[in-house]
Protein backbone atom coordinates (compact mmCIF):
# COMPACT_ATOMS: atom_id res chain seq x y z
CA MET A 1 30.21 89.43 126.12
CA THR A 2 27.12 91.09 127.06
CA LEU A 3 26.13 94.82 127.56
CA GLU A 4 24.02 95.21 130.55
CA PHE A 5 21.42 98.21 131.48
CA ILE A 6 20.90 97.67 135.32
CA ALA A 7 17.85 99.64 136.94
CA LEU A 8 18.95 102.87 135.08
CA ARG A 9 17.20 105.68 136.36
CA ARG A 10 17.54 109.45 135.09
CA ARG A 11 15.27 112.44 135.84
CA TYR A 12 15.13 115.88 133.88
CA GLY A 13 12.89 117.54 136.35
CA GLU A 14 9.63 116.86 136.25
CA VAL A 15 10.36 114.12 133.63
CA LEU A 16 11.51 110.85 134.30
CA ALA A 17 13.36 109.92 131.42
CA LEU A 18 14.42 106.28 132.70
CA ASP A 19 12.53 104.36 135.24
CA ASP A 20 14.68 101.42 136.77
CA LEU A 21 15.41 100.32 133.17
CA SER A 22 16.96 97.07 132.95
CA PHE A 23 17.69 94.41 130.03
CA ASP A 24 20.47 92.67 128.23
CA VAL A 25 22.04 92.92 124.82
CA PRO A 26 24.09 89.76 123.98
CA VAL A 27 26.83 89.91 121.19
CA GLY A 28 26.49 87.82 118.07
CA GLN A 29 23.07 89.18 117.02
CA VAL A 30 21.51 92.23 115.81
CA PHE A 31 19.12 93.79 118.86
CA GLY A 32 16.29 96.03 118.11
CA PHE A 33 15.86 98.68 120.88
CA LEU A 34 12.15 100.13 120.32
CA GLY A 35 9.89 102.54 122.05
CA PRO A 36 7.48 105.81 121.08
CA ASN A 37 9.01 109.05 120.92
CA GLY A 38 10.29 110.18 124.21
CA ALA A 39 10.37 106.78 125.59
CA GLY A 40 13.72 107.27 126.72
CA LYS A 41 16.00 105.43 124.02
CA THR A 42 18.43 108.02 123.36
CA THR A 43 18.92 108.74 127.21
CA ALA A 44 19.80 104.94 127.61
CA MET A 45 22.09 104.88 124.59
CA ARG A 46 24.09 108.08 125.82
CA ALA A 47 24.46 106.33 129.17
CA VAL A 48 26.88 103.76 127.57
CA PHE A 49 29.06 106.52 126.63
CA GLY A 50 28.83 108.50 129.78
CA LEU A 51 27.19 111.36 128.03
CA VAL A 52 24.24 111.30 130.20
CA GLU A 53 24.89 111.15 134.12
CA LEU A 54 22.68 108.64 135.66
CA ASP A 55 20.78 109.05 139.07
CA THR A 56 20.99 105.47 139.97
CA GLY A 57 22.06 102.27 138.24
CA SER A 58 24.95 101.48 135.92
CA VAL A 59 25.59 100.34 132.27
CA ARG A 60 28.27 97.02 132.36
CA TRP A 61 30.13 95.63 129.26
CA ASN A 62 31.02 91.96 129.87
CA GLY A 63 30.47 92.19 133.41
CA ALA A 64 32.67 95.00 134.14
CA ALA A 65 32.23 99.05 134.65
CA ILE A 66 32.29 100.87 131.55
CA GLY A 67 35.34 103.35 131.49
CA VAL A 68 37.47 105.43 128.85
CA ALA A 69 39.09 102.26 127.47
CA GLU A 70 36.22 100.16 126.87
CA ARG A 71 34.48 103.14 124.94
CA ARG A 72 37.45 103.51 122.76
CA ARG A 73 36.43 99.75 121.67
CA PHE A 74 32.73 100.98 121.03
CA GLY A 75 31.25 102.59 117.80
CA TYR A 76 28.16 105.17 118.38
CA MET A 77 25.85 106.74 115.59
CA PRO A 78 23.78 109.29 117.34
CA GLU A 79 20.64 110.29 115.85
CA GLU A 80 21.84 113.82 115.30
CA ARG A 81 24.66 114.50 112.88
CA GLY A 82 27.97 114.36 115.50
CA LEU A 83 30.60 115.02 112.66
CA TYR A 84 32.40 118.23 111.23
CA PRO A 85 30.28 119.52 108.27
CA GLY A 86 32.95 121.97 106.91
CA MET A 87 35.93 119.18 107.21
CA GLN A 88 36.90 116.94 104.43
CA ILE A 89 35.57 113.58 104.51
CA GLN A 90 38.37 111.44 104.33
CA ARG A 91 40.53 113.30 106.56
CA GLN A 92 37.62 113.25 109.30
CA LEU A 93 37.37 109.71 109.38
CA GLU A 94 41.22 109.32 109.64
CA TYR A 95 41.15 111.54 112.46
CA LEU A 96 38.30 109.64 114.15
CA CYS A 97 40.30 106.41 113.54
CA GLU A 98 43.13 107.62 115.14
CA LEU A 99 41.49 108.72 118.13
CA HIS A 100 40.39 105.35 118.86
CA GLY A 101 43.95 104.36 119.19
CA ARG A 102 45.13 103.38 115.43
CA SER A 103 47.93 104.27 113.76
CA ALA A 104 47.68 106.81 110.79
CA SER A 105 48.39 104.18 108.26
CA ASP A 106 45.97 102.00 109.63
CA ALA A 107 43.42 104.80 109.61
CA ARG A 108 43.96 105.50 105.99
CA ARG A 109 43.35 101.71 104.95
CA ALA A 110 40.29 101.61 107.09
CA THR A 111 38.81 105.18 105.88
CA ALA A 112 39.37 103.62 102.17
CA ARG A 113 37.85 100.15 102.90
CA TRP A 114 34.62 101.82 104.44
CA LEU A 115 34.42 104.53 101.77
CA GLU A 116 34.41 101.82 99.13
CA ARG A 117 31.93 99.66 100.96
CA LEU A 118 29.67 102.48 101.43
CA GLY A 119 29.36 103.65 98.01
CA ILE A 120 31.14 107.15 98.71
CA ALA A 121 34.70 106.71 97.96
CA GLY A 122 34.56 109.27 95.10
CA ARG A 123 33.37 111.79 97.51
CA ALA A 124 36.41 111.18 100.05
CA PRO A 125 37.75 114.97 99.38
CA ASP A 126 34.61 116.56 99.53
CA LYS A 127 33.24 118.39 102.77
CA LEU A 128 30.69 116.52 104.63
CA GLU A 129 27.99 119.63 104.24
CA SER A 130 27.98 118.89 100.30
CA LEU A 131 26.66 115.48 100.54
CA SER A 132 23.16 114.67 100.46
CA LEU A 133 21.35 113.71 103.73
CA GLY A 134 21.61 109.92 102.75
CA ASN A 135 25.36 109.92 101.94
CA GLN A 136 26.10 111.96 105.11
CA GLN A 137 24.33 109.15 106.94
CA ARG A 138 26.89 106.73 105.14
CA VAL A 139 29.69 108.78 106.38
CA GLN A 140 28.24 108.56 110.15
CA LEU A 141 28.21 104.94 109.96
CA ALA A 142 31.63 104.68 108.45
CA ALA A 143 32.72 106.98 111.62
CA ALA A 144 30.81 104.22 114.03
CA LEU A 145 32.98 101.17 112.17
CA ILE A 146 36.09 102.89 111.32
CA HIS A 147 38.08 101.34 114.31
CA GLU A 148 36.26 97.80 114.16
CA PRO A 149 34.46 98.15 117.33
CA GLU A 150 33.41 95.08 119.60
CA LEU A 151 29.99 96.95 120.29
CA LEU A 152 27.69 99.17 118.10
CA ILE A 153 25.18 101.31 119.25
CA LEU A 154 23.26 103.00 116.44
CA ASP A 155 20.44 105.65 116.93
CA GLU A 156 18.01 105.66 113.95
CA PRO A 157 20.64 104.34 111.61
CA PHE A 158 18.16 104.19 108.50
CA ALA A 159 16.99 107.87 108.76
CA GLY A 160 17.83 109.65 105.36
CA LEU A 161 18.45 106.31 103.24
CA ASP A 162 17.10 105.33 100.04
CA PRO A 163 16.14 101.60 99.40
CA VAL A 164 19.52 100.55 98.04
CA GLY A 165 21.00 102.56 101.20
CA ILE A 166 19.08 100.52 103.57
CA ASP A 167 19.91 97.17 101.90
CA GLU A 168 23.64 97.94 102.43
CA VAL A 169 23.35 99.22 105.86
CA THR A 170 21.36 96.11 106.82
CA ALA A 171 23.63 93.63 105.12
CA ILE A 172 26.78 95.48 107.47
CA LEU A 173 24.90 95.19 110.63
CA ALA A 174 24.16 91.49 110.12
CA GLU A 175 27.92 91.04 109.09
CA GLN A 176 29.00 92.87 112.25
CA ALA A 177 26.68 90.39 114.40
CA ARG A 178 28.05 87.50 112.33
CA ALA A 179 31.51 88.58 113.42
CA GLY A 180 30.75 88.35 116.96
CA ARG A 181 30.22 91.77 117.70
CA GLY A 182 27.22 93.51 119.68
CA VAL A 183 24.68 95.60 117.72
CA LEU A 184 22.15 97.57 119.38
CA PHE A 185 20.06 100.05 117.27
CA SER A 186 16.86 102.09 117.57
CA SER A 187 14.58 102.44 114.82
CA HIS A 188 10.84 103.59 114.07
CA GLN A 189 10.94 101.71 110.88
CA LEU A 190 9.51 98.34 112.54
CA ASP A 191 9.41 96.28 109.17
CA LEU A 192 13.10 96.69 108.89
CA VAL A 193 13.54 95.56 112.73
CA GLU A 194 11.48 92.70 112.05
CA ASP A 195 13.61 91.57 109.04
CA ILE A 196 16.90 91.77 110.52
CA CYS A 197 16.57 91.66 114.54
CA GLU A 198 16.59 88.45 116.54
CA SER A 199 15.65 89.84 119.71
CA VAL A 200 14.14 93.39 120.79
CA ALA A 201 13.60 95.46 123.64
CA ILE A 202 10.40 97.79 123.88
CA ILE A 203 10.54 100.58 126.45
CA ASP A 204 7.56 102.98 127.25
CA ARG A 205 8.00 106.30 129.79
CA GLY A 206 11.47 105.07 130.72
CA HIS A 207 10.79 101.46 131.70
CA LEU A 208 10.76 98.01 129.77
CA VAL A 209 7.48 96.82 128.94
CA VAL A 210 8.49 93.83 126.57
CA GLU A 211 11.97 91.86 126.13
CA GLY A 212 12.58 88.66 124.17
CA ASN A 213 13.34 86.82 121.14
CA LEU A 214 11.26 88.25 118.07
CA ASP A 215 10.31 84.85 116.75
CA GLU A 216 8.70 84.13 119.97
CA LEU A 217 7.26 87.19 120.84
CA GLU A 218 5.32 86.91 117.31
CA ARG A 219 4.11 83.69 117.87
CA ALA A 220 2.85 84.51 121.49
CA GLY A 221 -0.79 85.94 122.00
CA SER A 222 -3.88 84.82 120.40
CA ARG A 223 -4.18 82.45 117.77
CA ARG A 224 -4.65 84.41 114.30
CA LEU A 225 -6.30 82.91 111.09
CA VAL A 226 -6.62 84.59 107.71
CA VAL A 227 -9.89 82.71 105.77
CA LYS A 228 -11.10 83.65 102.42
CA VAL A 229 -14.41 82.17 101.33
CA GLU A 230 -15.28 82.33 97.48
CA GLY A 231 -18.62 84.26 97.21
CA ASP A 232 -18.06 86.02 100.82
CA TRP A 233 -16.18 88.91 100.54
CA ASP A 234 -16.87 90.78 103.92
CA GLY A 235 -16.64 87.66 106.39
CA ALA A 236 -20.26 87.56 107.00
CA TRP A 237 -19.98 83.71 107.62
CA ALA A 238 -17.58 84.07 110.63
CA ARG A 239 -19.88 86.72 112.52
CA GLY A 240 -21.25 85.63 115.69
CA ILE A 241 -19.30 82.51 116.03
CA PRO A 242 -18.44 82.35 119.99
CA GLY A 243 -14.61 83.13 120.54
CA VAL A 244 -14.11 84.63 117.02
CA THR A 245 -13.17 88.27 116.32
CA ILE A 246 -12.95 89.74 113.01
CA SER A 247 -9.93 92.27 113.09
CA ARG A 248 -10.28 93.18 109.52
CA THR A 249 -11.42 91.85 106.18
CA GLU A 250 -9.63 92.95 102.93
CA ALA A 251 -10.07 91.58 99.22
CA GLY A 252 -12.48 89.15 100.52
CA GLU A 253 -9.70 87.98 103.56
CA SER A 254 -10.91 87.89 106.63
CA ARG A 255 -8.22 88.28 109.76
CA LEU A 256 -9.54 86.28 112.72
CA VAL A 257 -8.58 86.40 116.19
CA LEU A 258 -9.42 83.27 118.11
CA ASP A 259 -9.82 82.32 121.47
CA ASP A 260 -8.51 79.60 123.22
CA THR A 261 -11.95 77.68 123.25
CA VAL A 262 -12.14 77.55 119.34
CA ASP A 263 -11.65 74.48 117.37
CA SER A 264 -9.97 75.33 114.00
CA GLN A 265 -11.04 72.35 112.61
CA ALA A 266 -14.72 73.13 113.40
CA LEU A 267 -14.04 76.49 112.12
CA LEU A 268 -12.87 75.09 108.70
CA SER A 269 -16.14 73.15 108.51
CA GLN A 270 -18.40 76.10 108.98
CA ALA A 271 -16.41 78.01 106.46
CA MET A 272 -16.40 75.24 103.99
CA ALA A 273 -20.39 75.24 104.47
CA VAL A 274 -20.57 78.47 102.76
CA GLY A 275 -18.43 77.76 99.84
CA PRO A 276 -15.17 76.81 99.00
CA VAL A 277 -12.22 77.61 100.82
CA LEU A 278 -9.73 79.61 98.82
CA ARG A 279 -7.21 80.31 102.11
CA PHE A 280 -6.97 79.21 105.62
CA ASP A 281 -3.94 79.98 107.08
CA PHE A 282 -2.58 80.77 110.69
CA GLU A 283 -0.32 83.75 110.65
CA ARG A 284 2.05 85.35 113.24
CA ARG A 285 1.63 88.88 115.04
CA ARG A 286 3.50 91.47 113.30
CA LEU A 287 6.01 93.44 115.30
CA SER A 288 3.90 96.41 114.70
CA GLU A 289 1.14 94.57 116.60
CA VAL A 290 3.59 93.63 119.30
CA PHE A 291 4.85 97.17 119.70
CA ARG A 292 1.40 98.79 119.75
CA GLU A 293 -0.05 96.11 122.49
CA ALA A 294 3.01 96.95 124.62
CA VAL A 295 2.89 100.67 124.63
CA ARG A 296 -1.05 101.02 124.41
């Protein structure tokens, strides 16, 4: 099964929120949906649920148009709070589960299970508004998971969570993917995306600028080398070498960007001629670099 965004276009007055946006989200992996503020991520995710009327284009699930029946099998966690602040947490989750077609007894069991898993079982009789922002976020996630959806769409799921909460949510997303479900989430916390995602799509001004396997994206581009030479704390030895750019030097370690013409073994010999080489390692691009290059 695959979630397909096909040539989505949506204009709000003078603002083109989605500009022929197309990409696929396969099931069985956690997929990161990235972009700067205002790039169109939330508009695209809302389109999956029919909350945005598209000018042109379509969203398809498993090759077919998405209707009410399909959406009942999806889970959605919006960036803004979408629950009832004055309603008891337990009753609220049971009610939402029943709206997805589950029996009352199934809804009670599912609610108890997810509240326990998310560490807020003791707050079940409380009203949502009495919880901290982090615990409200846990309830919001429970609402998206309560009916065991085939597809999860999560908009900034880590917002407001402490490190323990982030670890819990990360583990849950990985479990959902391993169970064969689709998991698409947006986040500005690129270090988390880098840790848990297999693939990403990056959009800017409503159109796709990068899509692909994260490992391949981070290995692409110019070679990056970290070198530390004893006694040379500012990377002076590498200055002026043709095809070598010093991106930054910190604590005696120089991060170099190499053109294709540079022979790394010859570069190592040049470093050794200056003094003992304490580090000489190639490293991958970080996702933050991929992101900055994509939206620059």
